[in-house]
Amino acid sequence: MKTPLYDYVVLDTETTGFKPENGAKLIEIGAVKIHDGKLVDRYEQLIDPHQPIPEYITSLTGINDSMVIGQPDVSQAIIRFDKWIGPRTIIMAHNASFDLSFLDAAMKTVNGGMFFFPHRFVDTLEMSRKIHPEKPSHKVAVLIRDYGIGDVEEHRALSDATQENMLYEAMRREEFGR
C-alpha cells in the first residue's frame, strides 16, 4: 500500500472450519465501516449454517447451534452484507484470503455459481509482514498485544473486526506517520 486508507470496511468472519471446499460454512460476519478515519457504522450477523457447529468452534467463538437457529442462511446474509458495504468499497481483513474464500463460496450460492464480489481487498497480515519482517508471528492475537490494543482475540466477528481496525490504524501511523 503506497498511501494510507481512511475510507474502508474492516471485515472478520467466524466459520465452522478452515476451508469452504471441505464443507466449512460461515456462521458470523462482523464488520466496521470507516469514513474519513472515523468509525461510522457496525455490522454483525449470525448465520445458520444448516449443519452442527463443531464443539471446538463453539469453545473458540462461543457460538453454538441454538444461537444460529432461525438466523438468515448464507445467501440471505451475504446479500444483506453486500448492500451494507455499498459499491466500490475497499475491504480490509487480516489474512484476507481466508475471509474471501468464504465470501466467494457464499456468493456462489446467490449468483448460481458465478462469483461477483466487486470489492478490492487489503490484507493487514501482508501489511504487518512488510512493516515487520523480523516478527516470528503475525497472528492477530500477537499483534494486538504487541501494539497495546488488547490481550485477547475474542473470536467473535465484530469484536475481531474492531480490533483489526485498531491494528490497521497503529500500523498506518507507524508506516505513514499519520
Protein backbone atom coordinates (compact mmCIF):
# COMPACT_ATOMS: atom_id res chain seq x y z
CA MET A 1 0.00 0.00 0.00
CA LYS A 2 1.53 3.30 -1.10
CA THR A 3 -0.91 5.66 0.61
CA PRO A 4 -2.87 5.28 3.82
CA LEU A 5 -6.57 4.45 3.66
CA TYR A 6 -9.21 6.41 5.55
CA ASP A 7 -12.38 5.01 3.90
CA TYR A 8 -12.87 1.26 4.09
CA VAL A 9 -14.69 -1.63 5.79
CA VAL A 10 -12.85 -4.00 8.13
CA LEU A 11 -14.31 -7.49 7.91
CA ASP A 12 -13.99 -10.60 10.04
CA THR A 13 -15.78 -13.92 9.77
CA GLU A 14 -16.34 -16.89 12.03
CA THR A 15 -16.76 -20.29 10.41
CA THR A 16 -17.35 -23.96 11.18
CA GLY A 17 -13.90 -24.89 9.88
CA PHE A 18 -10.98 -23.75 7.78
CA LYS A 19 -11.89 -24.42 4.14
CA PRO A 20 -15.24 -23.97 2.40
CA GLU A 21 -14.20 -26.60 -0.16
CA ASN A 22 -14.13 -29.10 2.73
CA GLY A 23 -17.67 -28.20 3.79
CA ALA A 24 -16.92 -25.45 6.33
CA LYS A 25 -19.59 -22.74 6.49
CA LEU A 26 -19.88 -19.13 7.58
CA ILE A 27 -21.54 -18.70 10.98
CA GLU A 28 -20.92 -14.99 11.57
CA ILE A 29 -19.96 -11.84 9.69
CA GLY A 30 -18.80 -8.77 11.57
CA ALA A 31 -17.54 -5.50 10.17
CA VAL A 32 -16.86 -1.88 10.94
CA LYS A 33 -17.26 0.91 8.40
CA ILE A 34 -14.66 3.67 8.49
CA HIS A 35 -15.14 7.06 6.78
CA ASP A 36 -12.50 9.80 6.97
CA GLY A 37 -10.69 7.64 9.52
CA LYS A 38 -13.67 7.50 11.89
CA LEU A 39 -15.87 4.54 12.77
CA VAL A 40 -19.33 5.35 11.37
CA ASP A 41 -21.18 2.01 11.43
CA ARG A 42 -21.01 -1.58 12.65
CA TYR A 43 -22.39 -4.77 11.15
CA GLU A 44 -22.95 -8.07 12.93
CA GLN A 45 -24.86 -11.08 11.65
CA LEU A 46 -25.03 -14.67 12.82
CA ILE A 47 -25.67 -17.16 10.01
CA ASP A 48 -27.43 -20.53 10.14
CA PRO A 49 -25.01 -23.00 8.51
CA HIS A 50 -27.67 -25.74 8.44
CA GLN A 51 -25.17 -28.13 9.96
CA PRO A 52 -23.97 -28.69 13.53
CA ILE A 53 -21.26 -26.35 14.77
CA PRO A 54 -18.25 -28.40 15.91
CA GLU A 55 -17.52 -28.29 19.65
CA TYR A 56 -14.05 -26.83 19.15
CA ILE A 57 -15.59 -23.92 17.19
CA THR A 58 -18.14 -23.32 19.96
CA SER A 59 -15.37 -23.36 22.58
CA LEU A 60 -13.32 -20.91 20.47
CA THR A 61 -16.12 -18.50 19.48
CA GLY A 62 -18.89 -19.09 21.98
CA ILE A 63 -21.27 -19.56 19.03
CA ASN A 64 -23.44 -22.65 19.44
CA ASP A 65 -26.19 -24.35 17.44
CA SER A 66 -29.04 -22.72 19.37
CA MET A 67 -27.67 -19.24 18.61
CA VAL A 68 -27.81 -19.72 14.83
CA ILE A 69 -31.21 -21.44 14.55
CA GLY A 70 -33.60 -19.03 12.86
CA GLN A 71 -30.82 -16.74 11.67
CA PRO A 72 -30.53 -15.94 7.95
CA ASP A 73 -28.94 -18.56 5.73
CA VAL A 74 -25.73 -17.73 3.91
CA SER A 75 -27.50 -16.47 0.76
CA GLN A 76 -29.63 -14.00 2.70
CA ALA A 77 -26.72 -12.94 4.88
CA ILE A 78 -24.31 -12.26 2.02
CA ILE A 79 -26.91 -10.19 0.13
CA ARG A 80 -27.58 -8.08 3.25
CA PHE A 81 -23.86 -7.66 3.88
CA ASP A 82 -23.13 -6.65 0.29
CA LYS A 83 -25.89 -4.00 0.49
CA TRP A 84 -24.49 -2.72 3.79
CA ILE A 85 -20.97 -2.44 2.34
CA GLY A 86 -22.07 -0.37 -0.63
CA PRO A 87 -20.45 -0.13 -4.07
CA ARG A 88 -16.71 0.12 -4.73
CA THR A 89 -15.76 -0.24 -1.08
CA ILE A 90 -12.28 -1.29 -0.04
CA ILE A 91 -12.46 -4.29 2.30
CA MET A 92 -9.74 -4.84 4.85
CA ALA A 93 -9.15 -8.12 6.68
CA HIS A 94 -6.35 -9.94 8.46
CA ASN A 95 -5.46 -12.98 6.36
CA ALA A 96 -7.95 -11.71 3.79
CA SER A 97 -7.70 -14.82 1.60
CA PHE A 98 -9.41 -16.83 4.37
CA ASP A 99 -12.40 -14.47 4.60
CA LEU A 100 -12.52 -14.03 0.83
CA SER A 101 -12.70 -17.81 0.29
CA PHE A 102 -15.84 -17.93 2.44
CA LEU A 103 -17.37 -14.83 0.81
CA ASP A 104 -16.64 -16.39 -2.57
CA ALA A 105 -18.40 -19.62 -1.54
CA ALA A 106 -21.34 -17.60 -0.17
CA MET A 107 -21.71 -15.54 -3.35
CA LYS A 108 -21.77 -18.73 -5.40
CA THR A 109 -24.96 -19.71 -3.55
CA VAL A 110 -26.53 -16.43 -4.67
CA ASN A 111 -25.24 -16.00 -8.19
CA GLY A 112 -25.79 -19.52 -9.46
CA GLY A 113 -22.12 -20.38 -9.31
CA MET A 114 -20.88 -17.04 -10.62
CA PHE A 115 -18.69 -15.23 -8.11
CA PHE A 116 -19.21 -11.49 -8.08
CA PHE A 117 -17.91 -9.63 -5.08
CA PRO A 118 -16.57 -6.45 -6.70
CA HIS A 119 -14.51 -5.08 -3.87
CA ARG A 120 -10.79 -4.55 -3.52
CA PHE A 121 -9.21 -6.31 -0.55
CA VAL A 122 -6.35 -5.07 1.63
CA ASP A 123 -4.68 -7.65 3.85
CA THR A 124 -3.36 -6.42 7.21
CA LEU A 125 -1.42 -9.69 7.54
CA GLU A 126 0.60 -8.76 4.44
CA MET A 127 0.95 -5.21 5.73
CA SER A 128 2.35 -6.49 9.03
CA ARG A 129 4.80 -8.78 7.22
CA LYS A 130 6.02 -5.83 5.17
CA ILE A 131 6.42 -3.49 8.15
CA HIS A 132 7.91 -6.10 10.49
CA PRO A 133 9.60 -8.88 8.51
CA GLU A 134 11.59 -9.77 11.65
CA LYS A 135 8.50 -10.81 13.63
CA PRO A 136 8.17 -14.59 14.02
CA SER A 137 4.36 -14.33 14.18
CA HIS A 138 1.86 -12.01 12.55
CA LYS A 139 -1.24 -13.51 14.15
CA VAL A 140 -3.86 -11.01 15.30
CA ALA A 141 -3.53 -12.11 18.94
CA VAL A 142 0.22 -11.45 18.89
CA LEU A 143 -0.06 -8.13 17.05
CA ILE A 144 -2.79 -6.67 19.25
CA ARG A 145 -0.62 -7.46 22.29
CA ASP A 146 2.49 -6.01 20.65
CA TYR A 147 0.67 -2.80 19.70
CA GLY A 148 -1.01 -2.49 23.11
CA ILE A 149 -4.51 -2.86 21.66
CA GLY A 150 -5.64 -5.76 23.82
CA ASP A 151 -4.70 -9.01 25.47
CA VAL A 152 -7.16 -11.40 23.84
CA GLU A 153 -8.54 -12.02 20.38
CA GLU A 154 -12.18 -12.79 21.17
CA HIS A 155 -13.02 -14.82 18.06
CA ARG A 156 -16.32 -13.03 17.55
CA ALA A 157 -16.53 -11.34 14.19
CA LEU A 158 -17.49 -7.79 15.24
CA SER A 159 -15.03 -7.52 18.13
CA ASP A 160 -12.26 -9.01 15.98
CA ALA A 161 -13.04 -6.57 13.13
CA THR A 162 -12.90 -3.71 15.65
CA GLN A 163 -9.51 -4.88 16.93
CA GLU A 164 -8.26 -5.38 13.38
CA ASN A 165 -9.22 -1.78 12.57
CA MET A 166 -7.25 -0.60 15.61
CA LEU A 167 -4.35 -2.74 14.40
CA TYR A 168 -4.52 -1.17 10.93
CA GLU A 169 -4.59 2.32 12.47
CA ALA A 170 -1.49 1.52 14.56
CA MET A 171 0.35 0.10 11.55
CA ARG A 172 -0.77 3.06 9.38
CA ARG A 173 0.67 5.52 11.91
CA GLU A 174 3.89 3.50 12.04
CA GLU A 175 4.18 3.19 8.27
CA PHE A 176 2.96 6.64 7.19
CA GLY A 177 3.26 8.74 10.34
CA ARG A 178 -0.42 9.71 10.17
